[in-house]
Amino acid sequence: MYKLGYQALFDFEDAFRAIEFGIEKGFQCVELNQTAPNFSPEKYSPIQRKRLKNYEFPILIHAPQNISLFNLSKKALDGTLEQIYEIIDFAQEISARTITLHLGSAFLISIGGKMLWTHHIMSQKFASTLEYALLKLIEYANQKVFLCIENTSGFRYEISQSIMTKLLSTQNVHLTWDIGHTHILKNKQSVSNANNSTKVYSPASSIKREEEEKFFLKFLNKVREVHLHDNNGIWDEHGIIGTGTIDFKHYFEMLKSIDPYFILEIRPKERALESLHILKNLLQIS
């Protein structure tokens, strides 16, 4: 009924051990987070790639988290795109189901005694750069793997929301919905109670929890993957399921009409396994 998996990061020497752990412990899939160099494409020979492809156990890929598409230097950006192309080729060779990608972020700069976000100062340049990069990646990934953009960092910029809305409506691009990331956004009640005199601008501060939920519900048919972990609504703890304040039944009700991969993004692996048992009990599945 649910495709429940976990994300492998620094716990494993290679992808084979991560897959075998998933099979042994009763997960239905594994996501290899390439932030850990053990899962990078250059580590795997053609023979090893064939071996990975032969597993019936579904493999998902998470691109390195230090990647950013907000680089106004075309030469540097094209280098980043080449890196992602290599990941896409690797995913196709091993029959990975999805690639999850963070958009990255712009940066703060001091002007007139204030710290300002560069994507506000040069919004058109950043918008053009982001759209160029995404269109290149969408074209390259087409018919190879589902390219999924995750809701973190620069995803919440106004320019990103506008571009993503357009591309999700017209292009073969998809979404990874991280429930924990949505939960740390302020809801309407907490925003109305906040002391605005001490407010510090952050890239996500203008987006409320309900607004992000509404965005994902609008493009629910594009959600291929869901990241699960718990927190108390303050910071991105990646806690064991049930140790925070997320109402997982609320989100599973939202997602009941689709069939995504649910990935426990909880480290280390023992905490992910504990969360699997808790989640199964919560959802009343064996």
C-alpha atoms as a PDB file:
ATOM      1  CA  MET A   1       0.000   0.000   0.000  1.00  0.00           C
ATOM      2  CA  TYR A   2       2.885   2.378   0.826  1.00  0.00           C
ATOM      3  CA  LYS A   3       6.375   2.311  -0.692  1.00  0.00           C
ATOM      4  CA  LEU A   4       8.363   2.986   2.476  1.00  0.00           C
ATOM      5  CA  GLY A   5      12.110   3.430   2.156  1.00  0.00           C
ATOM      6  CA  TYR A   6      15.011   5.143   3.833  1.00  0.00           C
ATOM      7  CA  GLN A   7      17.801   7.485   2.801  1.00  0.00           C
ATOM      8  CA  ALA A   8      21.364   6.166   2.974  1.00  0.00           C
ATOM      9  CA  LEU A   9      24.002   8.803   3.676  1.00  0.00           C
ATOM     10  CA  PHE A  10      27.194   8.209   5.690  1.00  0.00           C
ATOM     11  CA  ASP A  11      26.371   4.807   7.170  1.00  0.00           C
ATOM     12  CA  PHE A  12      27.508   2.640   4.298  1.00  0.00           C
ATOM     13  CA  GLU A  13      30.709   1.938   2.432  1.00  0.00           C
ATOM     14  CA  ASP A  14      28.870   1.597  -0.866  1.00  0.00           C
ATOM     15  CA  ALA A  15      25.469   1.325  -2.526  1.00  0.00           C
ATOM     16  CA  PHE A  16      25.421  -2.464  -2.362  1.00  0.00           C
ATOM     17  CA  ARG A  17      25.580  -2.482   1.441  1.00  0.00           C
ATOM     18  CA  ALA A  18      22.875   0.188   1.608  1.00  0.00           C
ATOM     19  CA  ILE A  19      20.584  -1.883  -0.601  1.00  0.00           C
ATOM     20  CA  GLU A  20      21.226  -5.110   1.304  1.00  0.00           C
ATOM     21  CA  PHE A  21      20.431  -3.342   4.587  1.00  0.00           C
ATOM     22  CA  GLY A  22      17.149  -2.093   3.135  1.00  0.00           C
ATOM     23  CA  ILE A  23      16.163  -5.550   1.915  1.00  0.00           C
ATOM     24  CA  GLU A  24      17.149  -7.233   5.186  1.00  0.00           C
ATOM     25  CA  LYS A  25      15.274  -4.765   7.392  1.00  0.00           C
ATOM     26  CA  GLY A  26      11.991  -4.701   5.465  1.00  0.00           C
ATOM     27  CA  PHE A  27      12.181  -1.386   3.625  1.00  0.00           C
ATOM     28  CA  GLN A  28      10.695  -1.239   0.120  1.00  0.00           C
ATOM     29  CA  CYS A  29      13.270   1.099  -1.453  1.00  0.00           C
ATOM     30  CA  VAL A  30      16.400   3.110  -0.733  1.00  0.00           C
ATOM     31  CA  GLU A  31      17.498   6.625  -1.646  1.00  0.00           C
ATOM     32  CA  LEU A  32      21.255   7.082  -2.111  1.00  0.00           C
ATOM     33  CA  ASN A  33      22.258  10.573  -1.003  1.00  0.00           C
ATOM     34  CA  GLN A  34      25.269  11.520  -3.118  1.00  0.00           C
ATOM     35  CA  THR A  35      26.319  14.157  -0.614  1.00  0.00           C
ATOM     36  CA  ALA A  36      28.231  11.134   0.675  1.00  0.00           C
ATOM     37  CA  PRO A  37      30.994  10.491  -1.884  1.00  0.00           C
ATOM     38  CA  ASN A  38      30.541   6.715  -1.451  1.00  0.00           C
ATOM     39  CA  PHE A  39      27.501   6.980  -3.736  1.00  0.00           C
ATOM     40  CA  SER A  40      29.017   9.249  -6.396  1.00  0.00           C
ATOM     41  CA  PRO A  41      28.851   8.019 -10.026  1.00  0.00           C
ATOM     42  CA  GLU A  42      32.640   7.956 -10.438  1.00  0.00           C
ATOM     43  CA  LYS A  43      32.844   5.272  -7.722  1.00  0.00           C
ATOM     44  CA  TYR A  44      30.997   2.693  -9.861  1.00  0.00           C
ATOM     45  CA  SER A  45      32.392   0.828 -12.833  1.00  0.00           C
ATOM     46  CA  PRO A  46      30.219  -0.349 -15.743  1.00  0.00           C
ATOM     47  CA  ILE A  47      30.128  -3.836 -14.207  1.00  0.00           C
ATOM     48  CA  GLN A  48      29.043  -2.461 -10.837  1.00  0.00           C
ATOM     49  CA  ARG A  49      26.367  -0.344 -12.499  1.00  0.00           C
ATOM     50  CA  LYS A  50      24.943  -3.443 -14.171  1.00  0.00           C
ATOM     51  CA  ARG A  51      24.917  -5.175 -10.810  1.00  0.00           C
ATOM     52  CA  LEU A  52      22.973  -2.259  -9.275  1.00  0.00           C
ATOM     53  CA  LYS A  53      20.518  -2.334 -12.166  1.00  0.00           C
ATOM     54  CA  ASN A  54      19.835  -6.024 -11.585  1.00  0.00           C
ATOM     55  CA  TYR A  55      18.428  -5.439  -8.111  1.00  0.00           C
ATOM     56  CA  GLU A  56      14.647  -5.661  -8.034  1.00  0.00           C
ATOM     57  CA  PHE A  57      14.810  -3.347  -5.019  1.00  0.00           C
ATOM     58  CA  PRO A  58      13.964   0.223  -6.163  1.00  0.00           C
ATOM     59  CA  ILE A  59      16.812   2.739  -6.002  1.00  0.00           C
ATOM     60  CA  LEU A  60      16.326   6.505  -5.783  1.00  0.00           C
ATOM     61  CA  ILE A  61      19.036   9.176  -6.032  1.00  0.00           C
ATOM     62  CA  HIS A  62      19.491  12.384  -4.050  1.00  0.00           C
ATOM     63  CA  ALA A  63      21.906  14.795  -5.754  1.00  0.00           C
ATOM     64  CA  PRO A  64      24.665  16.353  -3.596  1.00  0.00           C
ATOM     65  CA  GLN A  65      23.222  19.003  -1.326  1.00  0.00           C
ATOM     66  CA  ASN A  66      25.986  21.541  -2.035  1.00  0.00           C
ATOM     67  CA  ILE A  67      24.778  22.000  -5.631  1.00  0.00           C
ATOM     68  CA  SER A  68      23.270  25.384  -6.490  1.00  0.00           C
ATOM     69  CA  LEU A  69      21.560  26.599  -9.634  1.00  0.00           C
ATOM     70  CA  PHE A  70      21.811  30.223  -8.415  1.00  0.00           C
ATOM     71  CA  ASN A  71      25.176  31.009  -9.993  1.00  0.00           C
ATOM     72  CA  LEU A  72      25.331  34.033 -12.255  1.00  0.00           C
ATOM     73  CA  SER A  73      28.604  32.874 -13.814  1.00  0.00           C
ATOM     74  CA  LYS A  74      27.514  30.896 -16.883  1.00  0.00           C
ATOM     75  CA  LYS A  75      30.791  28.984 -17.003  1.00  0.00           C
ATOM     76  CA  ALA A  76      30.468  27.880 -13.384  1.00  0.00           C
ATOM     77  CA  LEU A  77      26.771  27.106 -13.800  1.00  0.00           C
ATOM     78  CA  ASP A  78      27.428  25.003 -16.896  1.00  0.00           C
ATOM     79  CA  GLY A  79      29.985  23.060 -14.848  1.00  0.00           C
ATOM     80  CA  THR A  80      27.293  22.374 -12.254  1.00  0.00           C
ATOM     81  CA  LEU A  81      24.915  21.233 -14.997  1.00  0.00           C
ATOM     82  CA  GLU A  82      27.566  18.837 -16.325  1.00  0.00           C
ATOM     83  CA  GLN A  83      27.831  17.341 -12.845  1.00  0.00           C
ATOM     84  CA  ILE A  84      24.073  16.802 -12.723  1.00  0.00           C
ATOM     85  CA  TYR A  85      24.060  15.353 -16.258  1.00  0.00           C
ATOM     86  CA  GLU A  86      26.538  12.741 -15.006  1.00  0.00           C
ATOM     87  CA  ILE A  87      24.179  11.912 -12.139  1.00  0.00           C
ATOM     88  CA  ILE A  88      21.256  11.617 -14.574  1.00  0.00           C
ATOM     89  CA  ASP A  89      23.252   9.229 -16.775  1.00  0.00           C
ATOM     90  CA  PHE A  90      24.201   7.177 -13.719  1.00  0.00           C
ATOM     91  CA  ALA A  91      20.563   7.050 -12.612  1.00  0.00           C
ATOM     92  CA  GLN A  92      19.485   5.828 -16.033  1.00  0.00           C
ATOM     93  CA  GLU A  93      22.205   3.153 -16.125  1.00  0.00           C
ATOM     94  CA  ILE A  94      21.124   1.678 -12.770  1.00  0.00           C
ATOM     95  CA  SER A  95      17.383   2.202 -13.469  1.00  0.00           C
ATOM     96  CA  ALA A  96      16.941   4.604 -10.550  1.00  0.00           C
ATOM     97  CA  ARG A  97      13.353   5.769 -10.184  1.00  0.00           C
ATOM     98  CA  THR A  98      13.927   9.432  -9.257  1.00  0.00           C
ATOM     99  CA  ILE A  99      16.577  12.103  -8.743  1.00  0.00           C
ATOM    100  CA  THR A 100      15.874  14.653  -6.021  1.00  0.00           C
ATOM    101  CA  LEU A 101      17.561  18.024  -6.463  1.00  0.00           C
ATOM    102  CA  HIS A 102      17.890  21.090  -4.237  1.00  0.00           C
ATOM    103  CA  LEU A 103      17.845  24.359  -6.171  1.00  0.00           C
ATOM    104  CA  GLY A 104      20.459  25.837  -3.841  1.00  0.00           C
ATOM    105  CA  SER A 105      20.374  29.459  -2.756  1.00  0.00           C
ATOM    106  CA  ALA A 106      21.528  32.997  -3.446  1.00  0.00           C
ATOM    107  CA  PHE A 107      23.548  34.855  -0.797  1.00  0.00           C
ATOM    108  CA  LEU A 108      23.435  37.843   1.504  1.00  0.00           C
ATOM    109  CA  ILE A 109      25.477  40.984   0.844  1.00  0.00           C
ATOM    110  CA  SER A 110      25.979  44.140   2.900  1.00  0.00           C
ATOM    111  CA  ILE A 111      24.628  47.333   1.282  1.00  0.00           C
ATOM    112  CA  GLY A 112      24.107  50.600   3.111  1.00  0.00           C
ATOM    113  CA  GLY A 113      24.515  48.980   6.504  1.00  0.00           C
ATOM    114  CA  LYS A 114      21.919  46.275   5.792  1.00  0.00           C
ATOM    115  CA  MET A 115      22.238  42.624   4.841  1.00  0.00           C
ATOM    116  CA  LEU A 116      20.228  42.103   1.648  1.00  0.00           C
ATOM    117  CA  TRP A 117      19.539  39.008  -0.423  1.00  0.00           C
ATOM    118  CA  THR A 118      21.127  39.129  -3.860  1.00  0.00           C
ATOM    119  CA  HIS A 119      18.117  37.481  -5.497  1.00  0.00           C
ATOM    120  CA  HIS A 120      16.119  40.549  -4.448  1.00  0.00           C
ATOM    121  CA  ILE A 121      18.679  43.007  -5.761  1.00  0.00           C
ATOM    122  CA  MET A 122      19.170  41.194  -9.087  1.00  0.00           C
ATOM    123  CA  SER A 123      15.906  39.310  -9.320  1.00  0.00           C
ATOM    124  CA  GLN A 124      15.704  39.218 -13.131  1.00  0.00           C
ATOM    125  CA  LYS A 125      19.254  37.902 -13.501  1.00  0.00           C
ATOM    126  CA  PHE A 126      18.666  35.171 -10.945  1.00  0.00           C
ATOM    127  CA  ALA A 127      15.301  34.286 -12.489  1.00  0.00           C
ATOM    128  CA  SER A 128      16.823  33.968 -15.973  1.00  0.00           C
ATOM    129  CA  THR A 129      19.689  31.873 -14.609  1.00  0.00           C
ATOM    130  CA  LEU A 130      17.399  29.505 -12.712  1.00  0.00           C
ATOM    131  CA  GLU A 131      15.019  29.022 -15.641  1.00  0.00           C
ATOM    132  CA  TYR A 132      17.924  28.403 -18.029  1.00  0.00           C
ATOM    133  CA  ALA A 133      19.391  25.769 -15.700  1.00  0.00           C
ATOM    134  CA  LEU A 134      16.095  23.999 -15.050  1.00  0.00           C
ATOM    135  CA  LEU A 135      15.159  23.847 -18.726  1.00  0.00           C
ATOM    136  CA  LYS A 136      18.560  22.348 -19.534  1.00  0.00           C
ATOM    137  CA  LEU A 137      18.149  19.698 -16.828  1.00  0.00           C
ATOM    138  CA  ILE A 138      14.558  18.897 -17.779  1.00  0.00           C
ATOM    139  CA  GLU A 139      15.574  18.388 -21.387  1.00  0.00           C
ATOM    140  CA  TYR A 140      18.500  16.144 -20.410  1.00  0.00           C
ATOM    141  CA  ALA A 141      16.501  14.049 -17.920  1.00  0.00           C
ATOM    142  CA  ASN A 142      13.552  13.508 -20.267  1.00  0.00           C
ATOM    143  CA  GLN A 143      12.813   9.808 -20.790  1.00  0.00           C
ATOM    144  CA  LYS A 144      15.739   8.891 -18.482  1.00  0.00           C
ATOM    145  CA  VAL A 145      14.554   9.494 -14.916  1.00  0.00           C
ATOM    146  CA  PHE A 146      12.024  11.554 -12.961  1.00  0.00           C
ATOM    147  CA  LEU A 147      13.760  14.816 -12.019  1.00  0.00           C
ATOM    148  CA  CYS A 148      12.245  16.004  -8.713  1.00  0.00           C
ATOM    149  CA  ILE A 149      12.775  19.416  -7.114  1.00  0.00           C
ATOM    150  CA  GLU A 150      12.650  19.524  -3.309  1.00  0.00           C
ATOM    151  CA  ASN A 151      11.063  22.235  -1.158  1.00  0.00           C
ATOM    152  CA  THR A 152      14.083  23.716   0.568  1.00  0.00           C
ATOM    153  CA  SER A 153      16.311  26.821   0.448  1.00  0.00           C
ATOM    154  CA  GLY A 154      15.820  28.738  -2.823  1.00  0.00           C
ATOM    155  CA  PHE A 155      12.669  26.786  -3.684  1.00  0.00           C
ATOM    156  CA  ARG A 156      10.773  29.328  -1.553  1.00  0.00           C
ATOM    157  CA  TYR A 157      12.016  32.456  -3.359  1.00  0.00           C
ATOM    158  CA  GLU A 158       9.276  34.342  -5.212  1.00  0.00           C
ATOM    159  CA  ILE A 159      11.192  33.991  -8.481  1.00  0.00           C
ATOM    160  CA  SER A 160      11.514  30.233  -7.915  1.00  0.00           C
ATOM    161  CA  GLN A 161       7.853  29.792  -7.104  1.00  0.00           C
ATOM    162  CA  SER A 162       6.890  31.636 -10.284  1.00  0.00           C
ATOM    163  CA  ILE A 163       9.276  29.604 -12.462  1.00  0.00           C
ATOM    164  CA  MET A 164       8.336  26.284 -10.845  1.00  0.00           C
ATOM    165  CA  THR A 165       4.635  27.014 -11.306  1.00  0.00           C
ATOM    166  CA  LYS A 166       5.213  27.627 -14.997  1.00  0.00           C
ATOM    167  CA  LEU A 167       7.482  24.624 -15.548  1.00  0.00           C
ATOM    168  CA  LEU A 168       5.333  22.191 -13.565  1.00  0.00           C
ATOM    169  CA  SER A 169       2.420  23.204 -15.763  1.00  0.00           C
ATOM    170  CA  THR A 170       4.261  22.830 -19.065  1.00  0.00           C
ATOM    171  CA  GLN A 171       7.359  20.625 -18.643  1.00  0.00           C
ATOM    172  CA  ASN A 172       8.328  17.093 -17.609  1.00  0.00           C
ATOM    173  CA  VAL A 173       9.592  18.042 -14.158  1.00  0.00           C
ATOM    174  CA  HIS A 174       8.434  16.680 -10.812  1.00  0.00           C
ATOM    175  CA  LEU A 175       8.490  17.270  -7.064  1.00  0.00           C
ATOM    176  CA  THR A 176       9.881  15.813  -3.858  1.00  0.00           C
ATOM    177  CA  TRP A 177       7.752  16.989  -0.943  1.00  0.00           C
ATOM    178  CA  ASP A 178       9.705  17.132   2.317  1.00  0.00           C
ATOM    179  CA  ILE A 179       7.031  17.165   5.031  1.00  0.00           C
ATOM    180  CA  GLY A 180       9.503  18.187   7.735  1.00  0.00           C
ATOM    181  CA  HIS A 181      10.555  21.220   5.706  1.00  0.00           C
ATOM    182  CA  THR A 182       6.934  22.302   5.329  1.00  0.00           C
ATOM    183  CA  HIS A 183       6.319  21.882   9.061  1.00  0.00           C
ATOM    184  CA  ILE A 184       9.037  24.364  10.086  1.00  0.00           C
ATOM    185  CA  LEU A 185       7.294  27.108   8.127  1.00  0.00           C
ATOM    186  CA  LYS A 186       5.131  29.367  10.260  1.00  0.00           C
ATOM    187  CA  ASN A 187       1.411  28.798  10.028  1.00  0.00           C
ATOM    188  CA  LYS A 188      -1.074  31.671   9.965  1.00  0.00           C
ATOM    189  CA  GLN A 189      -1.618  31.555  13.725  1.00  0.00           C
ATOM    190  CA  SER A 190       2.076  31.707  14.614  1.00  0.00           C
ATOM    191  CA  VAL A 191       2.667  34.513  12.110  1.00  0.00           C
ATOM    192  CA  SER A 192      -0.137  36.594  13.606  1.00  0.00           C
ATOM    193  CA  ASN A 193       1.331  36.085  17.090  1.00  0.00           C
ATOM    194  CA  ALA A 194       4.914  36.882  16.079  1.00  0.00           C
ATOM    195  CA  ASN A 195       6.721  39.981  17.284  1.00  0.00           C
ATOM    196  CA  ASN A 196       7.543  41.636  13.953  1.00  0.00           C
ATOM    197  CA  SER A 197       9.885  44.118  15.597  1.00  0.00           C
ATOM    198  CA  THR A 198      12.476  41.352  15.986  1.00  0.00           C
ATOM    199  CA  LYS A 199      11.864  39.683  12.650  1.00  0.00           C
ATOM    200  CA  VAL A 200      14.943  38.843  10.578  1.00  0.00           C
ATOM    201  CA  TYR A 201      14.376  38.143   6.905  1.00  0.00           C
ATOM    202  CA  SER A 202      15.104  34.624   5.707  1.00  0.00           C
ATOM    203  CA  PRO A 203      14.491  33.130   2.254  1.00  0.00           C
ATOM    204  CA  ALA A 204      11.429  31.255   3.493  1.00  0.00           C
ATOM    205  CA  SER A 205       9.969  33.800   5.909  1.00  0.00           C
ATOM    206  CA  SER A 206       7.336  35.110   3.502  1.00  0.00           C
ATOM    207  CA  ILE A 207       5.834  31.668   2.869  1.00  0.00           C
ATOM    208  CA  LYS A 208       3.376  30.193   5.343  1.00  0.00           C
ATOM    209  CA  ARG A 209       2.875  26.507   5.947  1.00  0.00           C
ATOM    210  CA  GLU A 210      -0.612  26.561   4.450  1.00  0.00           C
ATOM    211  CA  GLU A 211       0.677  28.245   1.293  1.00  0.00           C
ATOM    212  CA  GLU A 212       3.285  25.556   0.702  1.00  0.00           C
ATOM    213  CA  GLU A 213       0.698  22.836   1.302  1.00  0.00           C
ATOM    214  CA  LYS A 214      -1.567  24.544  -1.213  1.00  0.00           C
ATOM    215  CA  PHE A 215       1.275  24.633  -3.770  1.00  0.00           C
ATOM    216  CA  PHE A 216       1.875  20.902  -3.450  1.00  0.00           C
ATOM    217  CA  LEU A 217      -1.814  20.079  -3.569  1.00  0.00           C
ATOM    218  CA  LYS A 218      -2.077  22.067  -6.802  1.00  0.00           C
ATOM    219  CA  PHE A 219       0.677  19.928  -8.341  1.00  0.00           C
ATOM    220  CA  LEU A 220      -0.049  16.714  -6.451  1.00  0.00           C
ATOM    221  CA  ASN A 221       0.153  14.666  -9.650  1.00  0.00           C
ATOM    222  CA  LYS A 222       3.802  15.772  -9.968  1.00  0.00           C
ATOM    223  CA  VAL A 223       4.845  14.522  -6.508  1.00  0.00           C
ATOM    224  CA  ARG A 224       6.968  11.393  -7.060  1.00  0.00           C
ATOM    225  CA  GLU A 225       8.712  11.270  -3.697  1.00  0.00           C
ATOM    226  CA  VAL A 226       7.958  12.321  -0.114  1.00  0.00           C
ATOM    227  CA  HIS A 227      10.574  12.818   2.617  1.00  0.00           C
ATOM    228  CA  LEU A 228       9.497  11.938   6.148  1.00  0.00           C
ATOM    229  CA  HIS A 229      11.110  12.992   9.432  1.00  0.00           C
ATOM    230  CA  ASP A 230       9.855  14.762  12.536  1.00  0.00           C
ATOM    231  CA  ASN A 231      10.506  18.117  14.205  1.00  0.00           C
ATOM    232  CA  ASN A 232       8.885  20.555  16.624  1.00  0.00           C
ATOM    233  CA  GLY A 233       8.236  23.239  14.027  1.00  0.00           C
ATOM    234  CA  ILE A 234      11.293  25.292  15.018  1.00  0.00           C
ATOM    235  CA  TRP A 235      14.240  23.829  13.108  1.00  0.00           C
ATOM    236  CA  ASP A 236      14.973  20.969  10.740  1.00  0.00           C
ATOM    237  CA  GLU A 237      15.747  18.269  13.326  1.00  0.00           C
ATOM    238  CA  HIS A 238      15.217  15.194  11.122  1.00  0.00           C
ATOM    239  CA  GLY A 239      13.908  13.442  14.223  1.00  0.00           C
ATOM    240  CA  ILE A 240      12.432   9.990  14.722  1.00  0.00           C
ATOM    241  CA  ILE A 241       8.766   9.765  13.743  1.00  0.00           C
ATOM    242  CA  GLY A 242       6.592  10.636  16.750  1.00  0.00           C
ATOM    243  CA  THR A 243       9.197  12.699  18.618  1.00  0.00           C
ATOM    244  CA  GLY A 244       7.990  16.013  17.158  1.00  0.00           C
ATOM    245  CA  THR A 245       4.710  17.754  16.402  1.00  0.00           C
ATOM    246  CA  ILE A 246       4.045  16.753  12.783  1.00  0.00           C
ATOM    247  CA  ASP A 247       0.588  15.291  12.154  1.00  0.00           C
ATOM    248  CA  PHE A 248       1.592  12.596   9.677  1.00  0.00           C
ATOM    249  CA  LYS A 249      -1.983  11.343   9.259  1.00  0.00           C
ATOM    250  CA  HIS A 250      -2.894  14.833   8.032  1.00  0.00           C
ATOM    251  CA  TYR A 251      -0.288  14.591   5.254  1.00  0.00           C
ATOM    252  CA  PHE A 252      -0.976  10.969   4.360  1.00  0.00           C
ATOM    253  CA  GLU A 253      -4.627  11.950   3.910  1.00  0.00           C
ATOM    254  CA  MET A 254      -3.508  14.668   1.476  1.00  0.00           C
ATOM    255  CA  LEU A 255      -1.376  12.165  -0.425  1.00  0.00           C
ATOM    256  CA  LYS A 256      -3.811   9.251  -0.567  1.00  0.00           C
ATOM    257  CA  SER A 257      -4.711   9.788  -4.240  1.00  0.00           C
ATOM    258  CA  ILE A 258      -1.108   9.308  -5.451  1.00  0.00           C
ATOM    259  CA  ASP A 259       1.531   6.591  -5.084  1.00  0.00           C
ATOM    260  CA  PRO A 260       4.880   8.235  -4.295  1.00  0.00           C
ATOM    261  CA  TYR A 261       7.986   6.780  -2.684  1.00  0.00           C
ATOM    262  CA  PHE A 262       8.024   7.635   1.035  1.00  0.00           C
ATOM    263  CA  ILE A 263      11.604   8.073   2.213  1.00  0.00           C
ATOM    264  CA  LEU A 264      12.542   8.212   5.896  1.00  0.00           C
ATOM    265  CA  GLU A 265      15.212  10.903   5.857  1.00  0.00           C
ATOM    266  CA  ILE A 266      16.412  10.082   9.358  1.00  0.00           C
ATOM    267  CA  ARG A 267      19.986   9.343  10.347  1.00  0.00           C
ATOM    268  CA  PRO A 268      21.718   7.154  11.319  1.00  0.00           C
ATOM    269  CA  LYS A 269      20.183   3.989   9.886  1.00  0.00           C
ATOM    270  CA  GLU A 270      19.092   2.652  13.283  1.00  0.00           C
ATOM    271  CA  ARG A 271      16.858   5.706  13.769  1.00  0.00           C
ATOM    272  CA  ALA A 272      15.379   5.201  10.309  1.00  0.00           C
ATOM    273  CA  LEU A 273      14.591   1.578  11.171  1.00  0.00           C
ATOM    274  CA  GLU A 274      12.967   2.608  14.447  1.00  0.00           C
ATOM    275  CA  SER A 275      10.904   5.162  12.540  1.00  0.00           C
ATOM    276  CA  LEU A 276       9.805   2.502  10.042  1.00  0.00           C
ATOM    277  CA  HIS A 277       8.249   0.440  12.831  1.00  0.00           C
ATOM    278  CA  ILE A 278       6.603   3.507  14.371  1.00  0.00           C
ATOM    279  CA  LEU A 279       5.215   4.657  11.020  1.00  0.00           C
ATOM    280  CA  LYS A 280       3.825   1.211  10.189  1.00  0.00           C
ATOM    281  CA  ASN A 281       2.045   1.167  13.530  1.00  0.00           C
ATOM    282  CA  LEU A 282       0.736   4.695  12.942  1.00  0.00           C
ATOM    283  CA  LEU A 283      -0.596   3.761   9.518  1.00  0.00           C
ATOM    284  CA  GLN A 284      -1.782   0.358  10.782  1.00  0.00           C
ATOM    285  CA  ILE A 285       0.084  -1.634   8.154  1.00  0.00           C
ATOM    286  CA  SER A 286       2.079  -4.839   8.564  1.00  0.00           C
END
